[in-house]
N, C-alpha and C. Protein backbone atom coordinates (compact mmCIF):
# COMPACT_ATOMS: atom_id res chain seq x y z
N MET A 1 56.72 23.76 69.17
CA MET A 1 55.28 22.78 68.59
C MET A 1 54.60 22.67 69.37
N THR A 2 55.01 22.56 70.56
CA THR A 2 53.89 22.25 71.62
C THR A 2 53.42 24.00 72.05
N GLN A 3 54.10 24.85 71.92
CA GLN A 3 53.37 26.24 72.34
C GLN A 3 52.29 26.94 71.63
N GLN A 4 52.05 26.16 70.32
CA GLN A 4 51.01 26.53 68.81
C GLN A 4 49.92 26.43 69.90
N PRO A 5 49.53 24.83 70.07
CA PRO A 5 48.35 24.45 70.47
C PRO A 5 47.72 25.58 71.18
N ASN A 6 48.79 25.42 72.53
CA ASN A 6 48.11 26.50 74.07
C ASN A 6 47.96 27.46 73.46
N GLU A 7 48.46 28.57 72.72
CA GLU A 7 48.00 29.52 72.46
C GLU A 7 46.82 29.64 71.75
N GLN A 8 46.75 28.70 70.84
CA GLN A 8 45.16 28.56 70.15
C GLN A 8 43.99 28.04 70.95
N ASN A 9 44.52 27.14 71.88
CA ASN A 9 43.44 26.81 73.26
C ASN A 9 43.14 28.49 74.29
N ASN A 10 44.31 29.13 74.49
CA ASN A 10 44.23 30.22 75.16
C ASN A 10 42.98 31.39 74.18
N ASN A 11 43.19 31.42 73.06
CA ASN A 11 42.57 32.11 72.78
C ASN A 11 41.13 31.73 72.60
N ASN A 12 40.92 30.23 72.39
CA ASN A 12 39.43 30.07 72.15
C ASN A 12 38.52 30.15 73.62
N GLU A 13 39.52 30.34 74.47
CA GLU A 13 39.00 30.43 75.82
C GLU A 13 38.87 32.01 76.55
N THR A 14 39.59 32.58 75.50
CA THR A 14 39.04 34.03 75.86
C THR A 14 38.20 34.53 75.09
N SER A 15 37.73 33.86 74.26
CA SER A 15 36.77 34.62 73.22
C SER A 15 35.21 34.70 74.10
N PRO A 16 34.24 35.87 74.22
CA PRO A 16 33.08 35.80 74.96
C PRO A 16 31.90 34.81 74.30
N PRO A 17 31.75 34.14 74.94
CA PRO A 17 30.49 33.55 74.50
C PRO A 17 28.95 33.73 73.61
N ILE A 18 28.77 33.27 72.72
CA ILE A 18 28.00 33.78 71.91
C ILE A 18 26.24 33.64 72.66
N VAL A 19 25.54 34.94 72.66
CA VAL A 19 24.29 34.54 73.15
C VAL A 19 23.39 35.08 72.48
N LYS A 20 22.23 33.82 72.82
CA LYS A 20 20.31 34.18 72.45
C LYS A 20 20.19 35.32 71.88
N LEU A 21 19.62 36.04 71.08
CA LEU A 21 19.26 37.44 70.28
C LEU A 21 17.62 37.76 70.96
N LEU A 22 17.62 38.46 71.91
CA LEU A 22 16.48 38.44 72.38
C LEU A 22 15.88 39.48 71.53
N ILE A 23 15.36 39.41 70.44
CA ILE A 23 14.61 40.14 69.54
C ILE A 23 13.27 40.29 69.08
N ASP A 24 12.38 38.95 70.19
CA ASP A 24 10.75 39.27 69.80
C ASP A 24 10.10 40.18 70.78
N ASN A 25 10.04 41.30 70.38
CA ASN A 25 9.19 42.21 71.15
C ASN A 25 7.98 42.27 70.76
N ASP A 26 7.71 41.58 69.73
CA ASP A 26 6.30 41.89 69.09
C ASP A 26 6.28 40.94 69.31
N PRO A 27 4.80 40.05 70.07
CA PRO A 27 4.28 38.53 69.55
C PRO A 27 3.16 38.95 68.91
N VAL A 28 2.76 39.92 68.22
CA VAL A 28 1.30 40.14 67.47
C VAL A 28 1.76 39.96 66.05
N ASN A 29 2.91 40.50 65.47
CA ASN A 29 3.44 39.40 64.61
C ASN A 29 3.61 38.18 64.50
N PHE A 30 2.88 37.20 64.12
CA PHE A 30 2.84 36.26 64.12
C PHE A 30 4.00 34.92 63.61
N PRO A 31 4.30 35.44 62.54
CA PRO A 31 4.96 34.92 61.31
C PRO A 31 6.43 35.40 62.16
N PHE A 32 7.22 36.32 62.64
CA PHE A 32 8.36 36.34 62.76
C PHE A 32 8.84 35.69 64.16
N HIS A 33 6.92 35.44 64.80
CA HIS A 33 7.06 34.88 66.50
C HIS A 33 7.14 33.49 66.05
N ALA A 34 6.78 32.88 65.39
CA ALA A 34 6.82 31.54 64.70
C ALA A 34 8.33 31.43 64.59
N ALA A 35 8.84 32.08 63.56
CA ALA A 35 10.07 32.15 63.19
C ALA A 35 11.40 32.03 63.88
N TYR A 36 11.01 32.85 65.10
CA TYR A 36 11.73 33.04 66.83
C TYR A 36 12.17 32.01 67.61
N LEU A 37 10.71 31.21 67.70
CA LEU A 37 10.74 30.01 68.24
C LEU A 37 11.72 29.13 67.62
N VAL A 38 11.51 29.00 66.27
CA VAL A 38 12.69 28.21 66.24
C VAL A 38 13.59 28.41 65.55
N TYR A 39 14.18 29.70 65.75
CA TYR A 39 15.22 30.29 66.11
C TYR A 39 16.14 29.81 67.21
N GLU A 40 15.04 29.77 68.60
CA GLU A 40 15.47 29.75 70.02
C GLU A 40 15.85 27.75 69.75
N GLU A 41 14.87 27.35 69.48
CA GLU A 41 15.28 25.82 69.59
C GLU A 41 16.51 25.41 68.92
N ALA A 42 16.60 26.19 67.85
CA ALA A 42 18.47 25.39 66.87
C ALA A 42 19.05 25.93 67.74
N PHE A 43 18.81 27.59 67.92
CA PHE A 43 20.23 27.57 68.80
C PHE A 43 20.83 27.22 70.15
N ASP A 44 19.67 26.61 71.09
CA ASP A 44 19.41 25.53 71.73
C ASP A 44 20.67 24.37 71.36
N LYS A 45 19.94 24.18 70.39
CA LYS A 45 20.46 22.65 70.64
C LYS A 45 21.81 22.87 69.41
N ALA A 46 22.31 23.66 68.77
CA ALA A 46 23.66 24.26 68.39
C ALA A 46 24.70 24.33 69.61
N THR A 47 26.00 23.37 69.07
CA THR A 47 27.20 23.51 70.18
C THR A 47 28.33 24.49 69.44
N GLU A 48 28.45 24.75 68.46
CA GLU A 48 29.12 25.03 67.77
C GLU A 48 29.02 26.48 67.22
N ALA A 49 29.92 27.36 67.55
CA ALA A 49 30.49 29.08 67.84
C ALA A 49 29.93 29.60 66.54
N GLN A 50 30.34 28.78 65.55
CA GLN A 50 29.77 29.45 63.98
C GLN A 50 28.31 29.11 64.02
N ALA A 51 28.09 28.08 63.94
CA ALA A 51 26.23 27.79 64.45
C ALA A 51 25.73 29.13 64.47
N LYS A 52 25.99 29.20 66.04
CA LYS A 52 25.55 30.54 66.28
C LYS A 52 25.43 31.45 65.82
N ASN A 53 26.37 31.53 65.19
CA ASN A 53 26.66 32.76 64.54
C ASN A 53 26.03 33.05 63.56
N GLU A 54 25.63 31.86 62.83
CA GLU A 54 24.84 31.89 61.90
C GLU A 54 23.39 32.23 61.99
N LEU A 55 23.24 31.01 62.92
CA LEU A 55 21.57 31.40 63.53
C LEU A 55 21.48 32.93 63.99
N ASN A 56 21.92 33.69 64.50
CA ASN A 56 22.37 35.31 64.92
C ASN A 56 22.15 35.89 63.99
N GLN A 57 22.93 35.47 63.04
CA GLN A 57 23.03 36.60 61.90
C GLN A 57 21.15 36.30 60.89
N ASN A 58 20.77 35.13 60.94
CA ASN A 58 19.74 35.05 59.97
C ASN A 58 18.50 35.40 60.77
N ILE A 59 18.63 35.02 62.17
CA ILE A 59 17.10 35.78 62.71
C ILE A 59 17.54 37.56 62.71
N GLN A 60 18.94 38.20 63.23
CA GLN A 60 18.71 39.69 62.82
C GLN A 60 18.66 40.21 61.19
N ASP A 61 19.11 39.15 60.22
CA ASP A 61 18.48 39.77 58.63
C ASP A 61 16.51 39.45 58.56
N LEU A 62 15.93 38.69 59.30
CA LEU A 62 14.77 38.43 59.45
C LEU A 62 14.20 40.10 59.90
N LYS A 63 14.71 40.07 60.78
CA LYS A 63 14.14 40.95 61.85
C LYS A 63 14.27 42.72 60.99
N GLU A 64 15.26 42.32 60.19
CA GLU A 64 15.38 43.69 59.08
C GLU A 64 14.79 43.79 58.08
N ASN A 65 14.06 42.51 57.52
CA ASN A 65 13.27 42.39 56.22
C ASN A 65 14.47 42.14 55.63
N LYS A 66 15.54 42.06 55.55
CA LYS A 66 17.12 41.46 54.25
C LYS A 66 16.58 40.70 53.73
N ILE A 67 15.44 39.67 54.43
CA ILE A 67 15.60 38.33 54.04
C ILE A 67 14.15 37.89 53.93
N ASP A 68 13.63 37.12 53.78
CA ASP A 68 12.10 36.27 53.89
C ASP A 68 12.37 35.32 54.45
N LEU A 69 10.81 34.76 55.13
CA LEU A 69 10.48 33.59 55.90
C LEU A 69 10.89 32.64 54.97
N GLU A 70 10.88 32.42 53.58
CA GLU A 70 11.47 31.33 53.11
C GLU A 70 12.63 31.00 53.38
N THR A 71 13.32 32.23 53.08
CA THR A 71 14.54 32.28 53.13
C THR A 71 15.35 31.67 53.99
N PHE A 72 14.67 32.43 55.06
CA PHE A 72 14.83 32.16 56.97
C PHE A 72 14.71 30.79 57.03
N TYR A 73 13.41 30.00 56.64
CA TYR A 73 13.61 28.53 57.24
C TYR A 73 14.76 27.62 56.24
N ARG A 74 14.95 27.96 55.09
CA ARG A 74 16.24 27.06 54.27
C ARG A 74 17.67 27.50 54.54
N ASN A 75 17.47 28.61 55.21
CA ASN A 75 18.81 28.88 56.20
C ASN A 75 18.84 28.16 57.38
N LEU A 76 17.92 27.85 58.20
CA LEU A 76 17.75 26.99 59.70
C LEU A 76 17.74 25.80 59.16
N ALA A 77 17.55 24.90 58.02
CA ALA A 77 17.14 24.35 57.81
C ALA A 77 18.51 22.91 58.33
N PRO A 78 19.59 22.82 57.77
CA PRO A 78 20.69 22.51 58.41
C PRO A 78 21.22 22.26 59.90
N PHE A 79 20.51 23.23 60.40
CA PHE A 79 20.53 23.39 61.38
C PHE A 79 19.43 22.77 62.99
N ARG A 80 18.72 22.27 62.12
CA ARG A 80 17.22 21.96 62.98
C ARG A 80 16.89 19.93 62.63
N LYS A 81 17.27 20.13 63.56
CA LYS A 81 17.00 18.42 64.31
C LYS A 81 15.56 17.59 64.10
N LEU A 82 15.19 17.46 63.49
CA LEU A 82 13.77 17.33 63.99
C LEU A 82 13.72 15.57 63.90
N ASP A 83 13.36 14.90 65.25
CA ASP A 83 13.53 13.88 65.89
C ASP A 83 11.72 13.00 65.42
N LEU A 84 12.24 12.91 64.08
CA LEU A 84 11.10 12.37 63.45
C LEU A 84 10.82 10.79 63.33
N PRO A 85 9.76 10.28 64.02
CA PRO A 85 9.89 8.60 63.60
C PRO A 85 9.70 8.15 62.12
N ARG A 86 10.61 6.98 62.08
CA ARG A 86 11.32 6.63 60.79
C ARG A 86 9.89 6.12 60.44
N GLN A 87 9.22 6.21 59.75
CA GLN A 87 8.50 5.68 58.63
C GLN A 87 8.93 4.55 57.95
N GLU A 88 8.08 3.40 58.93
CA GLU A 88 8.34 1.79 58.45
C GLU A 88 6.98 1.39 57.52
N ARG A 89 7.24 0.54 57.11
CA ARG A 89 6.29 -0.30 55.92
C ARG A 89 5.18 -0.42 56.70
N PHE A 90 3.84 0.26 56.33
CA PHE A 90 2.91 -0.05 56.91
C PHE A 90 1.55 -1.32 56.01
N SER A 91 0.96 -2.27 56.12
CA SER A 91 0.68 -2.97 55.37
C SER A 91 -1.06 -3.43 56.40
N MET A 92 -1.86 -3.48 55.72
CA MET A 92 -3.60 -3.36 55.88
C MET A 92 -3.83 -4.76 54.81
N GLN A 93 -4.48 -5.06 55.58
CA GLN A 93 -4.86 -6.66 54.97
C GLN A 93 -6.47 -6.17 54.48
N THR A 94 -6.85 -6.15 53.34
CA THR A 94 -8.67 -6.35 53.01
C THR A 94 -9.16 -7.52 52.52
N GLN A 95 -10.74 -7.59 52.43
CA GLN A 95 -11.08 -8.73 52.18
C GLN A 95 -12.25 -7.74 51.23
N ARG A 96 -12.82 -8.69 50.32
CA ARG A 96 -13.84 -8.63 49.63
C ARG A 96 -14.93 -8.10 50.78
N LYS A 97 -16.26 -7.79 50.41
CA LYS A 97 -17.67 -7.53 51.33
C LYS A 97 -18.27 -9.07 51.61
N LYS A 98 -17.86 -9.64 49.89
CA LYS A 98 -18.73 -10.91 50.46
C LYS A 98 -18.18 -11.52 50.84
N ASP A 99 -17.21 -11.50 50.90
CA ASP A 99 -15.98 -12.35 52.15
C ASP A 99 -16.46 -11.70 53.69
N TRP A 100 -16.46 -10.98 53.35
CA TRP A 100 -17.04 -9.99 54.71
C TRP A 100 -18.35 -10.75 55.63
N ARG A 101 -19.19 -10.36 54.76
CA ARG A 101 -20.39 -11.14 54.70
C ARG A 101 -20.44 -12.40 55.41
N LYS A 102 -19.55 -13.08 54.04
CA LYS A 102 -19.99 -14.83 54.59
C LYS A 102 -19.48 -15.07 56.04
N LYS A 103 -18.84 -14.10 56.66
CA LYS A 103 -17.78 -14.51 57.90
C LYS A 103 -18.56 -14.07 58.64
N THR A 104 -19.11 -13.02 58.57
CA THR A 104 -20.15 -12.07 59.99
C THR A 104 -21.46 -13.36 59.87
N GLN A 105 -21.64 -13.64 58.38
CA GLN A 105 -23.03 -14.83 59.11
C GLN A 105 -22.83 -16.04 59.73
N ARG A 106 -21.63 -16.07 59.24
CA ARG A 106 -21.32 -18.01 59.89
C ARG A 106 -20.86 -17.18 61.36
N GLN A 107 -20.51 -16.78 61.54
CA GLN A 107 -19.90 -15.64 63.58
C GLN A 107 -21.45 -15.65 64.28
N GLU A 108 -22.28 -15.36 63.33
CA GLU A 108 -23.78 -14.89 63.99
C GLU A 108 -24.29 -16.57 64.08
N ARG A 109 -23.87 -17.11 63.41
CA ARG A 109 -25.25 -18.31 63.14
C ARG A 109 -24.32 -18.98 64.51
N ILE A 110 -23.46 -19.35 64.57
CA ILE A 110 -22.32 -20.14 65.77
C ILE A 110 -23.37 -19.19 66.53
N LYS A 111 -22.95 -17.93 67.25
CA LYS A 111 -23.50 -17.77 68.07
C LYS A 111 -24.88 -18.19 68.48
N ARG A 112 -25.73 -18.00 67.68
CA ARG A 112 -27.28 -18.15 67.63
C ARG A 112 -26.96 -19.68 68.02
N HIS A 113 -26.39 -20.38 67.96
CA HIS A 113 -26.74 -21.94 68.37
C HIS A 113 -25.74 -22.30 69.89
N LYS A 114 -25.15 -21.59 69.88
CA LYS A 114 -23.90 -21.90 70.94
C LYS A 114 -25.49 -21.53 72.30
N LYS A 115 -26.57 -21.09 71.76
CA LYS A 115 -27.21 -20.73 73.60
C LYS A 115 -27.75 -21.79 73.96
């Protein structure tokens, strides 16, 4: 029983690391270039080998026109972790124009007589 986990560890250590594909040769093709930048960011953040394999496969399929951009972004969505600020409740106090005028006139009157 103790030999089986050791054998599995040896197999994982000997597997070559998964490398990022450098296939963005044509920066003139803007949609592909933008998709490649998203791929790079997701690849750099990914830690699992399976995730990196899927990312490589998706960018390769996009390069070969096997999938379209919409499908590519849909496939990459689970790997992208966007750090968006949490939307908090926003409240705005409003007042009627009549009330605002009254308040402003009162402040001006006080200001005028303080001189």
